[in-house]
Amino acid sequence: MGTVRYLEIAAALRVAIASGELPVGGQLPSESDLAARWSASRGTVRQAVATLAAEGLIGSRQGARRIVLRHERRHSFGELNSFAQWAEGVGHEAGSRFLSRVRRPATTEEADRLHLAPGTGILAVLRLRLLDGEPVMVERTAYADWVAAAVEAMPEDCRSVMDALAEGSGVVAHYGEHLIDALAAGSEDARLLGIRRGSPLLRQRHVSATAAARPIEWSDDRYRAGSVTFSVSNSAVATPLERRPGGH
């Protein structure tokens, strides 16, 4: 319960910073004030504040009132939240549009990632993702044959495929693996994102799987430069992979 509580407080403080309620350059309320406001222990508040400091949202000085540094918000891939959940959770409006949905045989890489026999049929999806109405990401996803029909039946503006699968079919992603690199925008990516051909894109490829380790999707997501930042925080306990809006 304490863990959930400190995450709730951290999320509320992120929203306050993003909205300007806690302006850049201003001081964060004291731990005692935050504890009173949230009816929480100072230890729980301290965890929430430390989370924001690790994210670079507030100054990391100890023994003094912390200063709000900038409007950066991050999302841990370890939580396996959908793009829509992440965007809405940090105060953005998420948009989505299916551009194509085609059944075809899996490529060698797709079959390998989805643990399918070579040539097994998959559903290839091309999708445009938006933040606050602005195109920020082109998503190319191969859905395993056993979820293809459910994805085909979703509306063109489906908010989140993974959320819809969970709600409609009981298919829930429990595990994920992420690969990050950069590449130049080709003609199609450039047209969809409204950028020049050859512009840099940040690519995130990932596979999502059920609790039984059955792969659901293999996706190639290409973000417009400056729209989302990925970061990795290392510790002796865990190494969560995070992303956040912005160009920092």
C-alpha atoms as a PDB file:
ATOM      1  CA  MET A   1       0.000   0.000   0.000  1.00  0.00           C
ATOM      2  CA  GLY A   2       2.841   2.418   0.830  1.00  0.00           C
ATOM      3  CA  THR A   3       4.421   1.783  -2.551  1.00  0.00           C
ATOM      4  CA  VAL A   4       1.186   2.624  -4.341  1.00  0.00           C
ATOM      5  CA  ARG A   5       0.753   5.728  -2.185  1.00  0.00           C
ATOM      6  CA  TYR A   6       4.142   7.226  -3.001  1.00  0.00           C
ATOM      7  CA  LEU A   7       3.556   6.600  -6.704  1.00  0.00           C
ATOM      8  CA  GLU A   8       0.198   8.398  -6.451  1.00  0.00           C
ATOM      9  CA  ILE A   9       1.842  11.396  -4.786  1.00  0.00           C
ATOM     10  CA  ALA A  10       4.626  11.468  -7.372  1.00  0.00           C
ATOM     11  CA  ALA A  11       2.057  11.347 -10.193  1.00  0.00           C
ATOM     12  CA  ALA A  12       0.087  14.242  -8.680  1.00  0.00           C
ATOM     13  CA  LEU A  13       3.245  16.328  -8.319  1.00  0.00           C
ATOM     14  CA  ARG A  14       4.150  15.661 -11.963  1.00  0.00           C
ATOM     15  CA  VAL A  15       0.741  16.982 -13.010  1.00  0.00           C
ATOM     16  CA  ALA A  16       1.209  20.065 -10.800  1.00  0.00           C
ATOM     17  CA  ILE A  17       4.578  20.764 -12.427  1.00  0.00           C
ATOM     18  CA  ALA A  18       3.256  20.184 -15.938  1.00  0.00           C
ATOM     19  CA  SER A  19       0.292  22.519 -15.378  1.00  0.00           C
ATOM     20  CA  GLY A  20       2.460  25.267 -13.911  1.00  0.00           C
ATOM     21  CA  GLU A  21       0.859  25.015 -10.478  1.00  0.00           C
ATOM     22  CA  LEU A  22       4.400  24.321  -9.312  1.00  0.00           C
ATOM     23  CA  PRO A  23       6.368  26.648 -11.631  1.00  0.00           C
ATOM     24  CA  VAL A  24       9.903  26.082 -12.889  1.00  0.00           C
ATOM     25  CA  GLY A  25      12.305  27.835 -10.509  1.00  0.00           C
ATOM     26  CA  GLY A  26       9.852  27.679  -7.630  1.00  0.00           C
ATOM     27  CA  GLN A  27      10.267  25.682  -4.455  1.00  0.00           C
ATOM     28  CA  LEU A  28       8.572  22.386  -3.858  1.00  0.00           C
ATOM     29  CA  PRO A  29       6.409  22.390  -0.701  1.00  0.00           C
ATOM     30  CA  SER A  30       8.188  21.001   2.355  1.00  0.00           C
ATOM     31  CA  GLU A  31       7.950  17.327   3.207  1.00  0.00           C
ATOM     32  CA  SER A  32       5.803  18.134   6.232  1.00  0.00           C
ATOM     33  CA  ASP A  33       3.401  20.203   4.092  1.00  0.00           C
ATOM     34  CA  LEU A  34       3.154  17.448   1.515  1.00  0.00           C
ATOM     35  CA  ALA A  35       2.644  14.840   4.209  1.00  0.00           C
ATOM     36  CA  ALA A  36      -0.208  16.870   5.685  1.00  0.00           C
ATOM     37  CA  ARG A  37      -1.793  17.484   2.291  1.00  0.00           C
ATOM     38  CA  TRP A  38      -1.724  13.805   1.393  1.00  0.00           C
ATOM     39  CA  SER A  39      -2.291  12.397   4.892  1.00  0.00           C
ATOM     40  CA  ALA A  40       0.843  10.355   4.368  1.00  0.00           C
ATOM     41  CA  SER A  41       3.976   9.652   6.349  1.00  0.00           C
ATOM     42  CA  ARG A  42       7.051  11.761   5.692  1.00  0.00           C
ATOM     43  CA  GLY A  43       8.821   8.593   4.594  1.00  0.00           C
ATOM     44  CA  THR A  44       6.231   8.019   1.871  1.00  0.00           C
ATOM     45  CA  VAL A  45       6.494  11.656   0.766  1.00  0.00           C
ATOM     46  CA  ARG A  46      10.283  11.370   0.753  1.00  0.00           C
ATOM     47  CA  GLN A  47      10.010   8.414  -1.655  1.00  0.00           C
ATOM     48  CA  ALA A  48       7.766  10.423  -3.989  1.00  0.00           C
ATOM     49  CA  VAL A  49      10.119  13.413  -3.919  1.00  0.00           C
ATOM     50  CA  ALA A  50      13.138  11.195  -4.522  1.00  0.00           C
ATOM     51  CA  THR A  51      11.378   9.739  -7.575  1.00  0.00           C
ATOM     52  CA  LEU A  52      10.914  13.215  -9.071  1.00  0.00           C
ATOM     53  CA  ALA A  53      14.519  14.107  -8.297  1.00  0.00           C
ATOM     54  CA  ALA A  54      15.730  10.956 -10.067  1.00  0.00           C
ATOM     55  CA  GLU A  55      13.654  11.958 -13.081  1.00  0.00           C
ATOM     56  CA  GLY A  56      15.224  15.400 -13.204  1.00  0.00           C
ATOM     57  CA  LEU A  57      11.979  17.228 -12.474  1.00  0.00           C
ATOM     58  CA  ILE A  58      13.279  18.797  -9.272  1.00  0.00           C
ATOM     59  CA  GLY A  59      16.672  19.610  -7.794  1.00  0.00           C
ATOM     60  CA  SER A  60      18.444  16.799  -5.982  1.00  0.00           C
ATOM     61  CA  ARG A  61      20.011  18.842  -3.159  1.00  0.00           C
ATOM     62  CA  GLN A  62      19.527  17.367   0.267  1.00  0.00           C
ATOM     63  CA  GLY A  63      18.664  19.314   3.406  1.00  0.00           C
ATOM     64  CA  ALA A  64      16.988  22.187   1.586  1.00  0.00           C
ATOM     65  CA  ARG A  65      13.731  22.950  -0.186  1.00  0.00           C
ATOM     66  CA  ARG A  66      13.941  21.423  -3.641  1.00  0.00           C
ATOM     67  CA  ILE A  67      13.580  23.563  -6.758  1.00  0.00           C
ATOM     68  CA  VAL A  68      11.372  22.670  -9.713  1.00  0.00           C
ATOM     69  CA  LEU A  69      13.736  22.327 -12.687  1.00  0.00           C
ATOM     70  CA  ARG A  70      11.700  21.676 -15.808  1.00  0.00           C
ATOM     71  CA  HIS A  71       8.563  20.129 -17.279  1.00  0.00           C
ATOM     72  CA  GLU A  72       9.849  16.638 -18.007  1.00  0.00           C
ATOM     73  CA  ARG A  73       7.655  13.618 -17.460  1.00  0.00           C
ATOM     74  CA  ARG A  74       8.688   9.986 -17.752  1.00  0.00           C
ATOM     75  CA  HIS A  75       7.026   6.638 -18.016  1.00  0.00           C
ATOM     76  CA  SER A  76       8.554   3.313 -17.042  1.00  0.00           C
ATOM     77  CA  PHE A  77       8.360   0.638 -19.731  1.00  0.00           C
ATOM     78  CA  GLY A  78       8.652  -1.834 -16.882  1.00  0.00           C
ATOM     79  CA  GLU A  79       5.039  -1.054 -16.005  1.00  0.00           C
ATOM     80  CA  LEU A  80       3.967  -2.128 -19.538  1.00  0.00           C
ATOM     81  CA  ASN A  81       1.454   0.693 -19.735  1.00  0.00           C
ATOM     82  CA  SER A  82       0.037   1.335 -23.174  1.00  0.00           C
ATOM     83  CA  PHE A  83       1.019   4.446 -25.136  1.00  0.00           C
ATOM     84  CA  ALA A  84      -2.425   5.897 -24.375  1.00  0.00           C
ATOM     85  CA  GLN A  85      -2.199   5.173 -20.637  1.00  0.00           C
ATOM     86  CA  TRP A  86       1.242   6.767 -20.477  1.00  0.00           C
ATOM     87  CA  ALA A  87       0.242   9.864 -22.460  1.00  0.00           C
ATOM     88  CA  GLU A  88      -2.957  10.482 -20.536  1.00  0.00           C
ATOM     89  CA  GLY A  89      -1.247   9.804 -17.225  1.00  0.00           C
ATOM     90  CA  VAL A  90       1.153  12.701 -17.806  1.00  0.00           C
ATOM     91  CA  GLY A  91      -1.492  15.139 -19.013  1.00  0.00           C
ATOM     92  CA  HIS A  92      -1.445  14.621 -22.794  1.00  0.00           C
ATOM     93  CA  GLU A  93      -4.292  13.711 -25.105  1.00  0.00           C
ATOM     94  CA  ALA A  94      -3.494  10.476 -26.912  1.00  0.00           C
ATOM     95  CA  GLY A  95      -4.697   9.899 -30.448  1.00  0.00           C
ATOM     96  CA  SER A  96      -4.443   6.932 -32.765  1.00  0.00           C
ATOM     97  CA  ARG A  97      -5.408   5.934 -36.282  1.00  0.00           C
ATOM     98  CA  PHE A  98      -5.125   2.595 -38.056  1.00  0.00           C
ATOM     99  CA  LEU A  99      -3.732   3.217 -41.532  1.00  0.00           C
ATOM    100  CA  SER A 100      -3.655  -0.405 -42.677  1.00  0.00           C
ATOM    101  CA  ARG A 101      -4.315  -3.899 -41.361  1.00  0.00           C
ATOM    102  CA  VAL A 102      -3.114  -6.703 -43.612  1.00  0.00           C
ATOM    103  CA  ARG A 103      -2.892 -10.468 -43.139  1.00  0.00           C
ATOM    104  CA  ARG A 104       0.334 -11.929 -44.528  1.00  0.00           C
ATOM    105  CA  PRO A 105       2.965 -14.563 -43.750  1.00  0.00           C
ATOM    106  CA  ALA A 106       5.371 -13.631 -40.971  1.00  0.00           C
ATOM    107  CA  THR A 107       8.872 -12.573 -41.918  1.00  0.00           C
ATOM    108  CA  THR A 108      11.756 -14.568 -40.476  1.00  0.00           C
ATOM    109  CA  GLU A 109      12.285 -11.983 -37.711  1.00  0.00           C
ATOM    110  CA  GLU A 110       8.572 -11.737 -36.902  1.00  0.00           C
ATOM    111  CA  ALA A 111       8.235 -15.509 -36.673  1.00  0.00           C
ATOM    112  CA  ASP A 112      11.271 -15.662 -34.391  1.00  0.00           C
ATOM    113  CA  ARG A 113      10.060 -12.868 -32.116  1.00  0.00           C
ATOM    114  CA  LEU A 114       6.517 -14.237 -31.925  1.00  0.00           C
ATOM    115  CA  HIS A 115       7.638 -17.871 -31.504  1.00  0.00           C
ATOM    116  CA  LEU A 116       5.771 -18.922 -34.626  1.00  0.00           C
ATOM    117  CA  ALA A 117       6.632 -21.423 -37.342  1.00  0.00           C
ATOM    118  CA  PRO A 118       8.176 -19.762 -40.418  1.00  0.00           C
ATOM    119  CA  GLY A 119       5.500 -18.451 -42.766  1.00  0.00           C
ATOM    120  CA  THR A 120       2.711 -18.493 -40.167  1.00  0.00           C
ATOM    121  CA  GLY A 121       0.078 -15.870 -40.895  1.00  0.00           C
ATOM    122  CA  ILE A 122       0.170 -12.679 -38.820  1.00  0.00           C
ATOM    123  CA  LEU A 123      -1.682  -9.365 -38.897  1.00  0.00           C
ATOM    124  CA  ALA A 124       0.583  -6.510 -40.006  1.00  0.00           C
ATOM    125  CA  VAL A 125      -0.639  -3.158 -38.726  1.00  0.00           C
ATOM    126  CA  LEU A 126       0.461   0.358 -39.665  1.00  0.00           C
ATOM    127  CA  ARG A 127      -0.704   2.935 -37.153  1.00  0.00           C
ATOM    128  CA  LEU A 128      -0.150   6.640 -36.522  1.00  0.00           C
ATOM    129  CA  ARG A 129       0.073   7.818 -32.897  1.00  0.00           C
ATOM    130  CA  LEU A 130      -0.541  11.399 -31.800  1.00  0.00           C
ATOM    131  CA  LEU A 131       0.051  13.529 -28.717  1.00  0.00           C
ATOM    132  CA  ASP A 132      -2.305  16.504 -28.366  1.00  0.00           C
ATOM    133  CA  GLY A 133      -3.275  16.106 -32.024  1.00  0.00           C
ATOM    134  CA  GLU A 134       0.329  16.158 -33.261  1.00  0.00           C
ATOM    135  CA  PRO A 135       1.757  13.094 -35.057  1.00  0.00           C
ATOM    136  CA  VAL A 136       4.706  11.806 -33.040  1.00  0.00           C
ATOM    137  CA  MET A 137       5.072   8.129 -33.819  1.00  0.00           C
ATOM    138  CA  VAL A 138       4.602   5.624 -36.624  1.00  0.00           C
ATOM    139  CA  GLU A 139       3.886   2.139 -35.320  1.00  0.00           C
ATOM    140  CA  ARG A 140       4.389  -1.028 -37.369  1.00  0.00           C
ATOM    141  CA  THR A 141       3.210  -4.059 -35.459  1.00  0.00           C
ATOM    142  CA  ALA A 142       2.986  -7.759 -36.221  1.00  0.00           C
ATOM    143  CA  TYR A 143       0.232  -9.362 -34.144  1.00  0.00           C
ATOM    144  CA  ALA A 144       0.349 -13.110 -33.561  1.00  0.00           C
ATOM    145  CA  ASP A 145      -2.230 -15.169 -35.444  1.00  0.00           C
ATOM    146  CA  TRP A 146      -4.186 -15.972 -32.281  1.00  0.00           C
ATOM    147  CA  VAL A 147      -5.058 -12.298 -31.602  1.00  0.00           C
ATOM    148  CA  ALA A 148      -5.285 -11.135 -35.237  1.00  0.00           C
ATOM    149  CA  ALA A 149      -9.079 -11.365 -35.550  1.00  0.00           C
ATOM    150  CA  ALA A 150      -9.637  -9.317 -32.394  1.00  0.00           C
ATOM    151  CA  VAL A 151      -7.311  -6.553 -33.641  1.00  0.00           C
ATOM    152  CA  GLU A 152      -8.989  -6.560 -37.074  1.00  0.00           C
ATOM    153  CA  ALA A 153     -12.361  -5.933 -35.406  1.00  0.00           C
ATOM    154  CA  MET A 154     -11.211  -2.828 -33.520  1.00  0.00           C
ATOM    155  CA  PRO A 155     -12.383   0.634 -34.677  1.00  0.00           C
ATOM    156  CA  GLU A 156     -10.055   2.770 -36.795  1.00  0.00           C
ATOM    157  CA  ASP A 157      -9.472   5.239 -33.959  1.00  0.00           C
ATOM    158  CA  CYS A 158      -8.979   2.580 -31.265  1.00  0.00           C
ATOM    159  CA  ARG A 159      -7.359   4.321 -28.280  1.00  0.00           C
ATOM    160  CA  SER A 160      -5.199   1.343 -27.290  1.00  0.00           C
ATOM    161  CA  VAL A 161      -4.967  -2.092 -28.884  1.00  0.00           C
ATOM    162  CA  MET A 162      -3.463  -3.676 -25.777  1.00  0.00           C
ATOM    163  CA  ASP A 163      -6.133  -2.175 -23.521  1.00  0.00           C
ATOM    164  CA  ALA A 164      -8.846  -3.363 -25.921  1.00  0.00           C
ATOM    165  CA  LEU A 165      -7.364  -6.864 -26.006  1.00  0.00           C
ATOM    166  CA  ALA A 166      -7.325  -6.962 -22.217  1.00  0.00           C
ATOM    167  CA  GLU A 167     -10.896  -5.725 -21.904  1.00  0.00           C
ATOM    168  CA  GLY A 168     -12.431  -7.651 -24.791  1.00  0.00           C
ATOM    169  CA  SER A 169     -10.433 -10.864 -24.951  1.00  0.00           C
ATOM    170  CA  GLY A 170      -8.734 -11.144 -21.570  1.00  0.00           C
ATOM    171  CA  VAL A 171      -5.313 -10.990 -23.232  1.00  0.00           C
ATOM    172  CA  VAL A 172      -2.960  -9.134 -20.900  1.00  0.00           C
ATOM    173  CA  ALA A 173       0.686  -8.287 -21.485  1.00  0.00           C
ATOM    174  CA  HIS A 174       2.848  -9.245 -18.505  1.00  0.00           C
ATOM    175  CA  TYR A 175       6.330  -9.210 -20.017  1.00  0.00           C
ATOM    176  CA  GLY A 176       8.163  -7.039 -22.502  1.00  0.00           C
ATOM    177  CA  GLU A 177      11.579  -6.613 -24.073  1.00  0.00           C
ATOM    178  CA  HIS A 178      12.653  -3.293 -25.611  1.00  0.00           C
ATOM    179  CA  LEU A 179      15.367  -2.483 -28.132  1.00  0.00           C
ATOM    180  CA  ILE A 180      16.257   1.155 -28.856  1.00  0.00           C
ATOM    181  CA  ASP A 181      18.215   2.621 -31.739  1.00  0.00           C
ATOM    182  CA  ALA A 182      18.079   5.515 -34.208  1.00  0.00           C
ATOM    183  CA  LEU A 183      17.549   5.665 -37.945  1.00  0.00           C
ATOM    184  CA  ALA A 184      16.763   8.116 -40.729  1.00  0.00           C
ATOM    185  CA  ALA A 185      13.169   8.683 -41.809  1.00  0.00           C
ATOM    186  CA  GLY A 186      12.189   7.048 -45.077  1.00  0.00           C
ATOM    187  CA  SER A 187       9.595   8.507 -47.438  1.00  0.00           C
ATOM    188  CA  GLU A 188       6.576   6.981 -45.680  1.00  0.00           C
ATOM    189  CA  ASP A 189       7.682   7.940 -42.166  1.00  0.00           C
ATOM    190  CA  ALA A 190       8.512  11.467 -43.318  1.00  0.00           C
ATOM    191  CA  ARG A 191       5.102  11.922 -44.929  1.00  0.00           C
ATOM    192  CA  LEU A 192       3.169  10.589 -41.946  1.00  0.00           C
ATOM    193  CA  LEU A 193       5.120  12.598 -39.380  1.00  0.00           C
ATOM    194  CA  GLY A 194       5.335  15.786 -41.415  1.00  0.00           C
ATOM    195  CA  ILE A 195       9.142  15.865 -41.476  1.00  0.00           C
ATOM    196  CA  ARG A 196      11.878  15.813 -44.114  1.00  0.00           C
ATOM    197  CA  ARG A 197      13.076  12.511 -45.510  1.00  0.00           C
ATOM    198  CA  GLY A 198      16.328  11.582 -43.772  1.00  0.00           C
ATOM    199  CA  SER A 199      15.351  13.316 -40.522  1.00  0.00           C
ATOM    200  CA  PRO A 200      16.439  11.407 -37.412  1.00  0.00           C
ATOM    201  CA  LEU A 201      13.944   9.102 -35.765  1.00  0.00           C
ATOM    202  CA  LEU A 202      14.207   7.360 -32.419  1.00  0.00           C
ATOM    203  CA  ARG A 203      13.110   3.754 -32.814  1.00  0.00           C
ATOM    204  CA  GLN A 204      11.819   1.470 -30.112  1.00  0.00           C
ATOM    205  CA  ARG A 205      11.210  -2.157 -31.007  1.00  0.00           C
ATOM    206  CA  HIS A 206       9.491  -4.360 -28.485  1.00  0.00           C
ATOM    207  CA  VAL A 207       7.808  -7.677 -27.981  1.00  0.00           C
ATOM    208  CA  SER A 208       4.965  -8.103 -25.489  1.00  0.00           C
ATOM    209  CA  ALA A 209       3.985 -11.454 -24.023  1.00  0.00           C
ATOM    210  CA  THR A 210       1.387 -12.945 -21.701  1.00  0.00           C
ATOM    211  CA  ALA A 211       2.043 -14.232 -18.182  1.00  0.00           C
ATOM    212  CA  ALA A 212       2.617 -17.637 -19.786  1.00  0.00           C
ATOM    213  CA  ALA A 213       5.327 -16.046 -21.993  1.00  0.00           C
ATOM    214  CA  ARG A 214       3.218 -16.356 -25.141  1.00  0.00           C
ATOM    215  CA  PRO A 215       4.156 -13.470 -27.489  1.00  0.00           C
ATOM    216  CA  ILE A 216       1.307 -11.160 -28.482  1.00  0.00           C
ATOM    217  CA  GLU A 217       2.978  -8.540 -30.657  1.00  0.00           C
ATOM    218  CA  TRP A 218       6.304  -7.504 -32.157  1.00  0.00           C
ATOM    219  CA  SER A 219       6.357  -3.769 -32.845  1.00  0.00           C
ATOM    220  CA  ASP A 220       8.631  -1.251 -34.539  1.00  0.00           C
ATOM    221  CA  ASP A 221       7.750   2.227 -33.196  1.00  0.00           C
ATOM    222  CA  ARG A 222       9.437   5.276 -34.745  1.00  0.00           C
ATOM    223  CA  TYR A 223       9.265   8.570 -32.847  1.00  0.00           C
ATOM    224  CA  ARG A 224       9.841  11.993 -34.356  1.00  0.00           C
ATOM    225  CA  ALA A 225      12.992  13.569 -32.919  1.00  0.00           C
ATOM    226  CA  GLY A 226      12.236  15.878 -30.006  1.00  0.00           C
ATOM    227  CA  SER A 227       8.815  14.391 -29.268  1.00  0.00           C
ATOM    228  CA  VAL A 228       9.834  11.721 -26.770  1.00  0.00           C
ATOM    229  CA  THR A 229      13.002  11.081 -24.794  1.00  0.00           C
ATOM    230  CA  PHE A 230      14.057   7.646 -23.597  1.00  0.00           C
ATOM    231  CA  SER A 231      16.227   7.255 -20.517  1.00  0.00           C
ATOM    232  CA  VAL A 232      17.630   4.422 -18.452  1.00  0.00           C
ATOM    233  CA  SER A 233      18.157   4.738 -14.703  1.00  0.00           C
ATOM    234  CA  ASN A 234      20.580   2.219 -13.244  1.00  0.00           C
ATOM    235  CA  SER A 235      20.634   0.814  -9.742  1.00  0.00           C
ATOM    236  CA  ALA A 236      21.789  -2.308  -7.952  1.00  0.00           C
ATOM    237  CA  VAL A 237      18.142  -3.364  -7.621  1.00  0.00           C
ATOM    238  CA  ALA A 238      16.577  -2.683 -11.011  1.00  0.00           C
ATOM    239  CA  THR A 239      17.153  -0.898 -14.304  1.00  0.00           C
ATOM    240  CA  PRO A 240      13.810   0.500 -15.425  1.00  0.00           C
ATOM    241  CA  LEU A 241      13.614   1.831 -18.960  1.00  0.00           C
ATOM    242  CA  GLU A 242      11.741   5.087 -19.199  1.00  0.00           C
ATOM    243  CA  ARG A 243      10.427   7.500 -21.774  1.00  0.00           C
ATOM    244  CA  ARG A 244       9.140  11.035 -21.540  1.00  0.00           C
ATOM    245  CA  PRO A 245       7.909  13.803 -23.829  1.00  0.00           C
ATOM    246  CA  GLY A 246      10.380  16.451 -24.929  1.00  0.00           C
ATOM    247  CA  GLY A 247      13.728  16.786 -26.558  1.00  0.00           C
ATOM    248  CA  HIS A 248      16.065  16.540 -23.562  1.00  0.00           C
END
